[in-house]
């Protein structure tokens, strides 16, 4: 292990990535580096923002493996038969689950109505009302908050359980990941406190009890590393198949592209390097689960939110991987 490179890494973190809560680096299933910052420790739980989407991707895969979701080509409205479509609204009727997973569904808003979203009692109905419009199905449109809750709603309809219960039973508990409870915020102050906390363990939910699809989950860096490890091991954990290898392969294959940012997208996972099969779950503020199949490495970074946080993939490529990729696993 190159101590000079590790020292350079930690100096870089203190200088340019000072909102970092913790980092875990694993190779071949062994932990090579685990360090915490900003008074955090292994017991700290951090809101990982959009990393939540990639967890939802796994849950969709598990539901499909169990036959509770027949096909990702199913129409979104198949799961919400009671929803009334306006007479002139045709686009929404053709949008599929796969469009939601690949961020290729159109929405009616230009500027996301975040205040209305956060004050809505029913995030699924609120989002359905915004789905469709004049945009083209199949064109990439990244919707960080208003959109993914439809996937949570679909999981509830398909499994007959809350997202929290289904996740706890089929993913979190088997991996030894503790998420204590569903969280409902009664005001803006409670949510802001949640965003800054290092001690709250939970998954945000709306008033109707539907857990958020695009944000709202708290994890530790080691929890995040376990998710990355699951992908390297083709869905197997302690000898048990948690999610099928077929789903993991399909969900980390390029299905769409954010051309503006030159980023490839799978099923709620970013594909950063096709040749090395390197992928990342990325959340606001600098939260990342990164895995590289060729190098057999997992890197997880938990961070507190700051506006315009520096790119963690740059940190991973320029400092973290070079410091550890030649270490024996």
C-alpha atoms as a PDB file:
ATOM      1  CA  UNK A   1       0.000   0.000   0.000  1.00  0.00           C
ATOM      2  CA  UNK A   2       1.502   3.310  -1.091  1.00  0.00           C
ATOM      3  CA  UNK A   3       1.431   5.576   1.985  1.00  0.00           C
ATOM      4  CA  UNK A   4       2.476   8.599  -0.052  1.00  0.00           C
ATOM      5  CA  UNK A   5      -0.546   8.188  -2.289  1.00  0.00           C
ATOM      6  CA  UNK A   6      -2.828   7.762   0.736  1.00  0.00           C
ATOM      7  CA  UNK A   7      -1.422  10.910   2.304  1.00  0.00           C
ATOM      8  CA  UNK A   8      -1.965  12.763  -0.976  1.00  0.00           C
ATOM      9  CA  UNK A   9      -5.537  11.427  -1.094  1.00  0.00           C
ATOM     10  CA  UNK A  10      -6.345  12.585   2.426  1.00  0.00           C
ATOM     11  CA  UNK A  11      -4.798  15.991   1.806  1.00  0.00           C
ATOM     12  CA  UNK A  12      -6.935  16.305  -1.323  1.00  0.00           C
ATOM     13  CA  UNK A  13     -10.060  15.357   0.628  1.00  0.00           C
ATOM     14  CA  UNK A  14      -9.370  17.985   3.282  1.00  0.00           C
ATOM     15  CA  UNK A  15      -8.725  20.634   0.637  1.00  0.00           C
ATOM     16  CA  UNK A  16     -11.348  20.003  -2.056  1.00  0.00           C
ATOM     17  CA  UNK A  17     -13.810  17.473  -0.612  1.00  0.00           C
ATOM     18  CA  UNK A  18     -14.165  18.758   2.932  1.00  0.00           C
ATOM     19  CA  UNK A  19     -17.838  17.706   3.208  1.00  0.00           C
ATOM     20  CA  UNK A  20     -16.877  14.009   3.090  1.00  0.00           C
ATOM     21  CA  UNK A  21     -18.280  11.875   5.918  1.00  0.00           C
ATOM     22  CA  UNK A  22     -16.517   8.602   5.176  1.00  0.00           C
ATOM     23  CA  UNK A  23     -14.788   6.462   2.556  1.00  0.00           C
ATOM     24  CA  UNK A  24     -14.476   2.689   2.215  1.00  0.00           C
ATOM     25  CA  UNK A  25     -12.247   0.981  -0.355  1.00  0.00           C
ATOM     26  CA  UNK A  26     -12.481  -2.756  -0.947  1.00  0.00           C
ATOM     27  CA  UNK A  27     -10.726  -5.122  -3.305  1.00  0.00           C
ATOM     28  CA  UNK A  28     -11.543  -8.775  -3.680  1.00  0.00           C
ATOM     29  CA  UNK A  29     -13.961  -8.480  -0.794  1.00  0.00           C
ATOM     30  CA  UNK A  30     -11.299  -7.216   1.619  1.00  0.00           C
ATOM     31  CA  UNK A  31     -11.389  -3.728   3.093  1.00  0.00           C
ATOM     32  CA  UNK A  32      -8.170  -1.891   2.231  1.00  0.00           C
ATOM     33  CA  UNK A  33      -9.180   1.522   3.536  1.00  0.00           C
ATOM     34  CA  UNK A  34     -11.889   2.810   5.866  1.00  0.00           C
ATOM     35  CA  UNK A  35     -11.723   6.350   7.147  1.00  0.00           C
ATOM     36  CA  UNK A  36     -14.145   8.930   8.513  1.00  0.00           C
ATOM     37  CA  UNK A  37     -14.207  12.693   8.527  1.00  0.00           C
ATOM     38  CA  UNK A  38     -16.225  15.546  10.057  1.00  0.00           C
ATOM     39  CA  UNK A  39     -16.663  13.761  13.391  1.00  0.00           C
ATOM     40  CA  UNK A  40     -18.270  10.749  11.729  1.00  0.00           C
ATOM     41  CA  UNK A  41     -17.579   7.102  12.474  1.00  0.00           C
ATOM     42  CA  UNK A  42     -18.658   3.625  11.384  1.00  0.00           C
ATOM     43  CA  UNK A  43     -22.002   4.077  13.152  1.00  0.00           C
ATOM     44  CA  UNK A  44     -22.873   7.335  11.359  1.00  0.00           C
ATOM     45  CA  UNK A  45     -25.776   7.271   8.929  1.00  0.00           C
ATOM     46  CA  UNK A  46     -25.810   9.826   6.120  1.00  0.00           C
ATOM     47  CA  UNK A  47     -28.572  10.879   3.726  1.00  0.00           C
ATOM     48  CA  UNK A  48     -27.230   9.605   0.406  1.00  0.00           C
ATOM     49  CA  UNK A  49     -29.716  11.459  -1.842  1.00  0.00           C
ATOM     50  CA  UNK A  50     -29.924   9.985  -5.378  1.00  0.00           C
ATOM     51  CA  UNK A  51     -27.997   6.857  -4.430  1.00  0.00           C
ATOM     52  CA  UNK A  52     -31.489   5.865  -3.254  1.00  0.00           C
ATOM     53  CA  UNK A  53     -32.472   5.435  -6.930  1.00  0.00           C
ATOM     54  CA  UNK A  54     -29.935   2.689  -7.444  1.00  0.00           C
ATOM     55  CA  UNK A  55     -31.247   0.841  -4.391  1.00  0.00           C
ATOM     56  CA  UNK A  56     -34.734   1.082  -5.920  1.00  0.00           C
ATOM     57  CA  UNK A  57     -33.293  -0.417  -9.119  1.00  0.00           C
ATOM     58  CA  UNK A  58     -32.221  -3.489  -7.153  1.00  0.00           C
ATOM     59  CA  UNK A  59     -35.653  -3.739  -5.537  1.00  0.00           C
ATOM     60  CA  UNK A  60     -37.355  -3.636  -8.933  1.00  0.00           C
ATOM     61  CA  UNK A  61     -35.043  -6.464  -9.998  1.00  0.00           C
ATOM     62  CA  UNK A  62     -35.892  -8.543  -6.934  1.00  0.00           C
ATOM     63  CA  UNK A  63     -39.615  -7.997  -7.525  1.00  0.00           C
ATOM     64  CA  UNK A  64     -39.135  -9.092 -11.150  1.00  0.00           C
ATOM     65  CA  UNK A  65     -37.134 -12.154 -10.044  1.00  0.00           C
ATOM     66  CA  UNK A  66     -40.021 -13.094  -7.761  1.00  0.00           C
ATOM     67  CA  UNK A  67     -42.536 -12.737 -10.588  1.00  0.00           C
ATOM     68  CA  UNK A  68     -44.273  -9.830  -8.884  1.00  0.00           C
ATOM     69  CA  UNK A  69     -43.361  -7.617 -11.825  1.00  0.00           C
ATOM     70  CA  UNK A  70     -44.029  -9.487 -15.053  1.00  0.00           C
ATOM     71  CA  UNK A  71     -41.970  -7.305 -17.380  1.00  0.00           C
ATOM     72  CA  UNK A  72     -40.298  -3.917 -17.357  1.00  0.00           C
ATOM     73  CA  UNK A  73     -42.080  -3.327 -20.651  1.00  0.00           C
ATOM     74  CA  UNK A  74     -45.358  -3.111 -18.740  1.00  0.00           C
ATOM     75  CA  UNK A  75     -47.116   0.224 -19.009  1.00  0.00           C
ATOM     76  CA  UNK A  76     -46.854   2.435 -15.942  1.00  0.00           C
ATOM     77  CA  UNK A  77     -50.631   2.855 -15.876  1.00  0.00           C
ATOM     78  CA  UNK A  78     -51.052  -0.933 -15.621  1.00  0.00           C
ATOM     79  CA  UNK A  79     -50.052  -0.533 -11.986  1.00  0.00           C
ATOM     80  CA  UNK A  80     -52.500   2.320 -11.366  1.00  0.00           C
ATOM     81  CA  UNK A  81     -55.765   1.224 -13.038  1.00  0.00           C
ATOM     82  CA  UNK A  82     -57.788   3.673 -10.967  1.00  0.00           C
ATOM     83  CA  UNK A  83     -55.911   6.675 -12.391  1.00  0.00           C
ATOM     84  CA  UNK A  84     -58.053   8.789 -14.701  1.00  0.00           C
ATOM     85  CA  UNK A  85     -56.278  10.020 -17.824  1.00  0.00           C
ATOM     86  CA  UNK A  86     -57.405  13.332 -19.231  1.00  0.00           C
ATOM     87  CA  UNK A  87     -59.101  13.038 -22.635  1.00  0.00           C
ATOM     88  CA  UNK A  88     -56.321  14.823 -24.540  1.00  0.00           C
ATOM     89  CA  UNK A  89     -53.499  13.109 -22.702  1.00  0.00           C
ATOM     90  CA  UNK A  90     -52.205  10.260 -24.879  1.00  0.00           C
ATOM     91  CA  UNK A  91     -48.469  10.100 -24.139  1.00  0.00           C
ATOM     92  CA  UNK A  92     -48.795   8.822 -20.580  1.00  0.00           C
ATOM     93  CA  UNK A  93     -50.616   5.712 -21.805  1.00  0.00           C
ATOM     94  CA  UNK A  94     -47.494   4.487 -23.633  1.00  0.00           C
ATOM     95  CA  UNK A  95     -44.856   5.099 -20.954  1.00  0.00           C
ATOM     96  CA  UNK A  96     -43.342   1.900 -19.561  1.00  0.00           C
ATOM     97  CA  UNK A  97     -41.557   0.856 -16.418  1.00  0.00           C
ATOM     98  CA  UNK A  98     -38.388   0.673 -18.506  1.00  0.00           C
ATOM     99  CA  UNK A  99     -38.777   4.351 -19.443  1.00  0.00           C
ATOM    100  CA  UNK A 100     -38.797   5.210 -15.746  1.00  0.00           C
ATOM    101  CA  UNK A 101     -35.725   3.039 -15.081  1.00  0.00           C
ATOM    102  CA  UNK A 102     -33.746   4.573 -17.954  1.00  0.00           C
ATOM    103  CA  UNK A 103     -34.903   8.187 -17.432  1.00  0.00           C
ATOM    104  CA  UNK A 104     -36.513   8.262 -20.869  1.00  0.00           C
ATOM    105  CA  UNK A 105     -40.008   9.282 -19.768  1.00  0.00           C
ATOM    106  CA  UNK A 106     -41.290  12.796 -20.545  1.00  0.00           C
ATOM    107  CA  UNK A 107     -42.831  15.089 -17.943  1.00  0.00           C
ATOM    108  CA  UNK A 108     -45.036  18.161 -18.207  1.00  0.00           C
ATOM    109  CA  UNK A 109     -42.888  20.480 -16.139  1.00  0.00           C
ATOM    110  CA  UNK A 110     -39.937  22.581 -17.293  1.00  0.00           C
ATOM    111  CA  UNK A 111     -38.903  23.845 -13.882  1.00  0.00           C
ATOM    112  CA  UNK A 112     -39.439  21.179 -11.205  1.00  0.00           C
ATOM    113  CA  UNK A 113     -42.190  22.282  -8.790  1.00  0.00           C
ATOM    114  CA  UNK A 114     -40.264  21.262  -5.704  1.00  0.00           C
ATOM    115  CA  UNK A 115     -42.311  23.186  -3.147  1.00  0.00           C
ATOM    116  CA  UNK A 116     -45.542  21.573  -4.344  1.00  0.00           C
ATOM    117  CA  UNK A 117     -43.804  18.192  -4.413  1.00  0.00           C
ATOM    118  CA  UNK A 118     -42.492  18.407  -0.856  1.00  0.00           C
ATOM    119  CA  UNK A 119     -45.855  19.609   0.466  1.00  0.00           C
ATOM    120  CA  UNK A 120     -47.887  17.004  -1.404  1.00  0.00           C
ATOM    121  CA  UNK A 121     -49.685  14.345   0.648  1.00  0.00           C
ATOM    122  CA  UNK A 122     -49.482  11.786  -2.158  1.00  0.00           C
ATOM    123  CA  UNK A 123     -46.231  11.877  -4.123  1.00  0.00           C
ATOM    124  CA  UNK A 124     -47.299   9.097  -6.511  1.00  0.00           C
ATOM    125  CA  UNK A 125     -50.532  10.833  -7.586  1.00  0.00           C
ATOM    126  CA  UNK A 126     -48.658  14.152  -7.767  1.00  0.00           C
ATOM    127  CA  UNK A 127     -46.051  12.621 -10.093  1.00  0.00           C
ATOM    128  CA  UNK A 128     -48.586  10.787 -12.243  1.00  0.00           C
ATOM    129  CA  UNK A 129     -50.265  14.134 -12.890  1.00  0.00           C
ATOM    130  CA  UNK A 130     -46.942  15.426 -14.258  1.00  0.00           C
ATOM    131  CA  UNK A 131     -46.044  12.342 -16.326  1.00  0.00           C
ATOM    132  CA  UNK A 132     -46.336  12.579 -20.113  1.00  0.00           C
ATOM    133  CA  UNK A 133     -47.022  15.802 -21.929  1.00  0.00           C
ATOM    134  CA  UNK A 134     -45.521  16.848 -25.223  1.00  0.00           C
ATOM    135  CA  UNK A 135     -42.053  15.394 -24.748  1.00  0.00           C
ATOM    136  CA  UNK A 136     -40.825  12.373 -26.651  1.00  0.00           C
ATOM    137  CA  UNK A 137     -40.794   8.951 -25.032  1.00  0.00           C
ATOM    138  CA  UNK A 138     -37.280   7.549 -25.358  1.00  0.00           C
ATOM    139  CA  UNK A 139     -35.383  10.822 -24.981  1.00  0.00           C
ATOM    140  CA  UNK A 140     -33.200  11.011 -21.894  1.00  0.00           C
ATOM    141  CA  UNK A 141     -34.448  13.387 -19.236  1.00  0.00           C
ATOM    142  CA  UNK A 142     -32.856  13.155 -15.829  1.00  0.00           C
ATOM    143  CA  UNK A 143     -35.469  13.690 -13.126  1.00  0.00           C
ATOM    144  CA  UNK A 144     -33.702  13.609  -9.757  1.00  0.00           C
ATOM    145  CA  UNK A 145     -36.735  13.987  -7.473  1.00  0.00           C
ATOM    146  CA  UNK A 146     -40.032  14.302  -9.321  1.00  0.00           C
ATOM    147  CA  UNK A 147     -40.369  11.033 -11.208  1.00  0.00           C
ATOM    148  CA  UNK A 148     -38.718   8.170  -9.268  1.00  0.00           C
ATOM    149  CA  UNK A 149     -41.526   8.021  -6.698  1.00  0.00           C
ATOM    150  CA  UNK A 150     -43.557   6.294  -9.410  1.00  0.00           C
ATOM    151  CA  UNK A 151     -41.183   3.347  -9.035  1.00  0.00           C
ATOM    152  CA  UNK A 152     -41.888   3.293  -5.303  1.00  0.00           C
ATOM    153  CA  UNK A 153     -45.601   3.299  -6.069  1.00  0.00           C
ATOM    154  CA  UNK A 154     -45.139   0.444  -8.525  1.00  0.00           C
ATOM    155  CA  UNK A 155     -43.228  -1.581  -5.926  1.00  0.00           C
ATOM    156  CA  UNK A 156     -46.053  -1.089  -3.430  1.00  0.00           C
ATOM    157  CA  UNK A 157     -48.673  -2.191  -5.972  1.00  0.00           C
ATOM    158  CA  UNK A 158     -46.618  -5.146  -7.230  1.00  0.00           C
ATOM    159  CA  UNK A 159     -45.485  -6.552  -3.878  1.00  0.00           C
ATOM    160  CA  UNK A 160     -48.346  -5.628  -1.569  1.00  0.00           C
ATOM    161  CA  UNK A 161     -45.785  -4.293   0.911  1.00  0.00           C
ATOM    162  CA  UNK A 162     -44.319  -0.899   1.693  1.00  0.00           C
ATOM    163  CA  UNK A 163     -41.016  -0.239  -0.046  1.00  0.00           C
ATOM    164  CA  UNK A 164     -39.375  -0.126   3.375  1.00  0.00           C
ATOM    165  CA  UNK A 165     -40.702  -3.557   4.373  1.00  0.00           C
ATOM    166  CA  UNK A 166     -39.930  -5.142   1.010  1.00  0.00           C
ATOM    167  CA  UNK A 167     -36.408  -3.701   1.044  1.00  0.00           C
ATOM    168  CA  UNK A 168     -35.779  -4.724   4.635  1.00  0.00           C
ATOM    169  CA  UNK A 169     -36.905  -8.293   4.029  1.00  0.00           C
ATOM    170  CA  UNK A 170     -35.288  -8.923   0.654  1.00  0.00           C
ATOM    171  CA  UNK A 171     -32.180  -6.718   0.511  1.00  0.00           C
ATOM    172  CA  UNK A 172     -31.189  -4.755   3.591  1.00  0.00           C
ATOM    173  CA  UNK A 173     -31.471  -7.408   6.317  1.00  0.00           C
ATOM    174  CA  UNK A 174     -29.802 -10.162   4.241  1.00  0.00           C
ATOM    175  CA  UNK A 175     -26.831  -7.819   3.697  1.00  0.00           C
ATOM    176  CA  UNK A 176     -26.691  -6.787   7.348  1.00  0.00           C
ATOM    177  CA  UNK A 177     -27.719  -3.219   6.555  1.00  0.00           C
ATOM    178  CA  UNK A 178     -29.773  -1.494   9.239  1.00  0.00           C
ATOM    179  CA  UNK A 179     -32.318   1.121   8.213  1.00  0.00           C
ATOM    180  CA  UNK A 180     -34.392   1.631  11.335  1.00  0.00           C
ATOM    181  CA  UNK A 181     -37.697   3.068  10.130  1.00  0.00           C
ATOM    182  CA  UNK A 182     -39.764   4.984   7.641  1.00  0.00           C
ATOM    183  CA  UNK A 183     -39.606   8.719   8.296  1.00  0.00           C
ATOM    184  CA  UNK A 184     -42.370  11.250   7.811  1.00  0.00           C
ATOM    185  CA  UNK A 185     -41.470  14.913   8.014  1.00  0.00           C
ATOM    186  CA  UNK A 186     -44.031  17.237   9.525  1.00  0.00           C
ATOM    187  CA  UNK A 187     -42.318  20.438   8.424  1.00  0.00           C
ATOM    188  CA  UNK A 188     -39.390  21.840   6.464  1.00  0.00           C
ATOM    189  CA  UNK A 189     -37.238  22.075   9.578  1.00  0.00           C
ATOM    190  CA  UNK A 190     -37.459  18.336  10.239  1.00  0.00           C
ATOM    191  CA  UNK A 191     -36.398  17.564   6.698  1.00  0.00           C
ATOM    192  CA  UNK A 192     -33.480  20.005   6.819  1.00  0.00           C
ATOM    193  CA  UNK A 193     -32.317  18.441  10.083  1.00  0.00           C
ATOM    194  CA  UNK A 194     -32.504  15.008   8.437  1.00  0.00           C
ATOM    195  CA  UNK A 195     -30.307  16.227   5.576  1.00  0.00           C
ATOM    196  CA  UNK A 196     -27.588  17.348   8.008  1.00  0.00           C
ATOM    197  CA  UNK A 197     -27.843  14.513  10.506  1.00  0.00           C
ATOM    198  CA  UNK A 198     -25.292  11.765  11.066  1.00  0.00           C
ATOM    199  CA  UNK A 199     -27.410   9.828  13.581  1.00  0.00           C
ATOM    200  CA  UNK A 200     -30.846   9.384  11.951  1.00  0.00           C
ATOM    201  CA  UNK A 201     -31.378   5.956  10.389  1.00  0.00           C
ATOM    202  CA  UNK A 202     -34.346   5.711   8.055  1.00  0.00           C
ATOM    203  CA  UNK A 203     -36.031   6.133   4.709  1.00  0.00           C
ATOM    204  CA  UNK A 204     -38.238   9.141   4.013  1.00  0.00           C
ATOM    205  CA  UNK A 205     -41.889   8.569   3.109  1.00  0.00           C
ATOM    206  CA  UNK A 206     -44.801  10.769   2.116  1.00  0.00           C
ATOM    207  CA  UNK A 207     -47.963  11.198   4.190  1.00  0.00           C
ATOM    208  CA  UNK A 208     -49.499   8.166   2.464  1.00  0.00           C
ATOM    209  CA  UNK A 209     -46.546   6.055   3.631  1.00  0.00           C
ATOM    210  CA  UNK A 210     -44.871   5.576   0.237  1.00  0.00           C
ATOM    211  CA  UNK A 211     -41.094   5.723   0.574  1.00  0.00           C
ATOM    212  CA  UNK A 212     -39.229   8.100  -1.681  1.00  0.00           C
ATOM    213  CA  UNK A 213     -37.741   6.747  -4.918  1.00  0.00           C
ATOM    214  CA  UNK A 214     -35.153   9.394  -5.713  1.00  0.00           C
ATOM    215  CA  UNK A 215     -33.814  10.486  -2.322  1.00  0.00           C
ATOM    216  CA  UNK A 216     -34.389  10.005   1.384  1.00  0.00           C
ATOM    217  CA  UNK A 217     -32.378   6.901   2.378  1.00  0.00           C
ATOM    218  CA  UNK A 218     -29.631   6.947   5.002  1.00  0.00           C
ATOM    219  CA  UNK A 219     -26.663   4.587   4.800  1.00  0.00           C
ATOM    220  CA  UNK A 220     -23.152   4.252   6.173  1.00  0.00           C
ATOM    221  CA  UNK A 221     -20.120   4.027   3.871  1.00  0.00           C
ATOM    222  CA  UNK A 222     -19.824   0.332   4.736  1.00  0.00           C
ATOM    223  CA  UNK A 223     -23.503  -0.217   3.905  1.00  0.00           C
ATOM    224  CA  UNK A 224     -22.852   1.401   0.541  1.00  0.00           C
ATOM    225  CA  UNK A 225     -19.813  -0.809  -0.032  1.00  0.00           C
ATOM    226  CA  UNK A 226     -21.978  -3.885   0.558  1.00  0.00           C
ATOM    227  CA  UNK A 227     -24.245  -2.824  -2.290  1.00  0.00           C
ATOM    228  CA  UNK A 228     -21.225  -2.446  -4.580  1.00  0.00           C
ATOM    229  CA  UNK A 229     -19.946  -5.845  -3.494  1.00  0.00           C
ATOM    230  CA  UNK A 230     -23.304  -7.394  -4.363  1.00  0.00           C
ATOM    231  CA  UNK A 231     -22.802  -6.265  -7.955  1.00  0.00           C
ATOM    232  CA  UNK A 232     -19.254  -7.618  -8.137  1.00  0.00           C
ATOM    233  CA  UNK A 233     -20.462 -10.977  -6.835  1.00  0.00           C
ATOM    234  CA  UNK A 234     -23.344 -11.229  -9.334  1.00  0.00           C
ATOM    235  CA  UNK A 235     -26.055 -10.787  -6.730  1.00  0.00           C
ATOM    236  CA  UNK A 236     -24.800 -13.430  -4.273  1.00  0.00           C
ATOM    237  CA  UNK A 237     -24.293 -12.617  -0.588  1.00  0.00           C
ATOM    238  CA  UNK A 238     -23.054 -15.237   1.879  1.00  0.00           C
ATOM    239  CA  UNK A 239     -23.983 -17.968  -0.574  1.00  0.00           C
ATOM    240  CA  UNK A 240     -27.519 -16.680  -1.132  1.00  0.00           C
ATOM    241  CA  UNK A 241     -28.786 -15.219  -4.405  1.00  0.00           C
ATOM    242  CA  UNK A 242     -30.260 -11.859  -3.361  1.00  0.00           C
ATOM    243  CA  UNK A 243     -30.976 -10.599  -6.876  1.00  0.00           C
ATOM    244  CA  UNK A 244     -30.387 -12.382 -10.164  1.00  0.00           C
ATOM    245  CA  UNK A 245     -27.124 -11.935 -12.028  1.00  0.00           C
ATOM    246  CA  UNK A 246     -29.207 -11.382 -15.160  1.00  0.00           C
ATOM    247  CA  UNK A 247     -30.882  -8.334 -13.626  1.00  0.00           C
ATOM    248  CA  UNK A 248     -27.613  -6.851 -12.401  1.00  0.00           C
ATOM    249  CA  UNK A 249     -26.025  -7.304 -15.818  1.00  0.00           C
ATOM    250  CA  UNK A 250     -29.018  -5.808 -17.619  1.00  0.00           C
ATOM    251  CA  UNK A 251     -29.334  -2.916 -15.183  1.00  0.00           C
ATOM    252  CA  UNK A 252     -25.680  -1.925 -15.654  1.00  0.00           C
ATOM    253  CA  UNK A 253     -25.791  -2.116 -19.457  1.00  0.00           C
ATOM    254  CA  UNK A 254     -26.098   1.161 -21.361  1.00  0.00           C
ATOM    255  CA  UNK A 255     -29.747   1.834 -22.232  1.00  0.00           C
ATOM    256  CA  UNK A 256     -29.727   5.633 -22.549  1.00  0.00           C
ATOM    257  CA  UNK A 257     -27.360   8.571 -22.503  1.00  0.00           C
ATOM    258  CA  UNK A 258     -27.342  12.052 -21.048  1.00  0.00           C
ATOM    259  CA  UNK A 259     -25.731  13.621 -24.077  1.00  0.00           C
ATOM    260  CA  UNK A 260     -25.280  17.029 -22.472  1.00  0.00           C
ATOM    261  CA  UNK A 261     -23.055  15.502 -19.775  1.00  0.00           C
ATOM    262  CA  UNK A 262     -21.756  12.612 -21.930  1.00  0.00           C
ATOM    263  CA  UNK A 263     -22.900  10.107 -19.320  1.00  0.00           C
ATOM    264  CA  UNK A 264     -24.253   6.617 -20.006  1.00  0.00           C
ATOM    265  CA  UNK A 265     -27.185   5.261 -18.027  1.00  0.00           C
ATOM    266  CA  UNK A 266     -28.520   1.805 -17.224  1.00  0.00           C
ATOM    267  CA  UNK A 267     -31.430   1.148 -14.884  1.00  0.00           C
ATOM    268  CA  UNK A 268     -30.870   3.967 -12.371  1.00  0.00           C
ATOM    269  CA  UNK A 269     -27.097   3.340 -12.469  1.00  0.00           C
ATOM    270  CA  UNK A 270     -24.478   5.429 -14.271  1.00  0.00           C
ATOM    271  CA  UNK A 271     -22.090   3.420 -16.454  1.00  0.00           C
ATOM    272  CA  UNK A 272     -18.716   5.145 -16.215  1.00  0.00           C
ATOM    273  CA  UNK A 273     -16.545   2.686 -18.159  1.00  0.00           C
ATOM    274  CA  UNK A 274     -18.034  -0.059 -20.364  1.00  0.00           C
ATOM    275  CA  UNK A 275     -14.700  -1.829 -20.984  1.00  0.00           C
ATOM    276  CA  UNK A 276     -13.935  -2.224 -17.289  1.00  0.00           C
ATOM    277  CA  UNK A 277     -17.629  -2.592 -16.375  1.00  0.00           C
ATOM    278  CA  UNK A 278     -17.366   0.284 -13.950  1.00  0.00           C
ATOM    279  CA  UNK A 279     -20.610   1.792 -12.676  1.00  0.00           C
ATOM    280  CA  UNK A 280     -21.714   4.274 -10.066  1.00  0.00           C
ATOM    281  CA  UNK A 281     -24.703   5.257  -7.988  1.00  0.00           C
ATOM    282  CA  UNK A 282     -24.353   8.982  -7.458  1.00  0.00           C
ATOM    283  CA  UNK A 283     -26.131  11.286  -5.039  1.00  0.00           C
ATOM    284  CA  UNK A 284     -26.116  14.999  -4.435  1.00  0.00           C
ATOM    285  CA  UNK A 285     -23.285  16.427  -2.365  1.00  0.00           C
ATOM    286  CA  UNK A 286     -20.840  13.700  -3.384  1.00  0.00           C
ATOM    287  CA  UNK A 287     -22.419  10.404  -2.319  1.00  0.00           C
ATOM    288  CA  UNK A 288     -21.152   7.511  -4.444  1.00  0.00           C
ATOM    289  CA  UNK A 289     -21.211   3.745  -4.674  1.00  0.00           C
ATOM    290  CA  UNK A 290     -18.629   2.844  -7.321  1.00  0.00           C
ATOM    291  CA  UNK A 291     -17.664  -0.604  -8.473  1.00  0.00           C
ATOM    292  CA  UNK A 292     -15.183  -1.751 -11.102  1.00  0.00           C
ATOM    293  CA  UNK A 293     -15.527  -5.384 -12.170  1.00  0.00           C
ATOM    294  CA  UNK A 294     -12.207  -5.573 -14.011  1.00  0.00           C
ATOM    295  CA  UNK A 295     -10.282  -4.241 -11.011  1.00  0.00           C
ATOM    296  CA  UNK A 296     -12.525  -6.101  -8.552  1.00  0.00           C
ATOM    297  CA  UNK A 297     -12.842  -2.913  -6.538  1.00  0.00           C
ATOM    298  CA  UNK A 298     -15.617  -1.162  -4.633  1.00  0.00           C
ATOM    299  CA  UNK A 299     -15.339   2.430  -3.453  1.00  0.00           C
ATOM    300  CA  UNK A 300     -18.043   4.089  -1.404  1.00  0.00           C
ATOM    301  CA  UNK A 301     -18.137   7.717  -0.346  1.00  0.00           C
ATOM    302  CA  UNK A 302     -20.723   9.276   1.965  1.00  0.00           C
ATOM    303  CA  UNK A 303     -20.908  13.067   2.062  1.00  0.00           C
ATOM    304  CA  UNK A 304     -22.926  15.882   3.543  1.00  0.00           C
ATOM    305  CA  UNK A 305     -24.770  18.091   1.095  1.00  0.00           C
ATOM    306  CA  UNK A 306     -23.066  21.225  -0.176  1.00  0.00           C
ATOM    307  CA  UNK A 307     -24.049  23.114  -3.350  1.00  0.00           C
ATOM    308  CA  UNK A 308     -21.949  22.297  -6.425  1.00  0.00           C
ATOM    309  CA  UNK A 309     -19.890  19.599  -4.717  1.00  0.00           C
ATOM    310  CA  UNK A 310     -16.732  18.582  -6.561  1.00  0.00           C
ATOM    311  CA  UNK A 311     -16.915  15.502  -8.756  1.00  0.00           C
ATOM    312  CA  UNK A 312     -16.211  12.370  -6.711  1.00  0.00           C
ATOM    313  CA  UNK A 313     -15.571  10.306  -9.841  1.00  0.00           C
ATOM    314  CA  UNK A 314     -12.584  12.547 -10.491  1.00  0.00           C
ATOM    315  CA  UNK A 315     -11.382  11.870  -6.941  1.00  0.00           C
ATOM    316  CA  UNK A 316     -11.860   8.139  -7.464  1.00  0.00           C
ATOM    317  CA  UNK A 317     -10.038   8.019 -10.810  1.00  0.00           C
ATOM    318  CA  UNK A 318      -7.160  10.360  -9.950  1.00  0.00           C
ATOM    319  CA  UNK A 319      -6.488   9.502  -6.322  1.00  0.00           C
ATOM    320  CA  UNK A 320      -8.360   6.541  -4.842  1.00  0.00           C
ATOM    321  CA  UNK A 321      -7.957   3.890  -7.548  1.00  0.00           C
ATOM    322  CA  UNK A 322      -4.255   4.664  -8.143  1.00  0.00           C
ATOM    323  CA  UNK A 323      -3.584   4.396  -4.397  1.00  0.00           C
ATOM    324  CA  UNK A 324      -5.134   0.944  -4.024  1.00  0.00           C
ATOM    325  CA  UNK A 325      -5.517  -0.853  -7.376  1.00  0.00           C
ATOM    326  CA  UNK A 326      -2.121  -2.565  -7.142  1.00  0.00           C
ATOM    327  CA  UNK A 327      -2.660  -3.742  -3.573  1.00  0.00           C
ATOM    328  CA  UNK A 328      -3.167  -7.456  -3.063  1.00  0.00           C
ATOM    329  CA  UNK A 329      -6.766  -8.286  -2.187  1.00  0.00           C
END
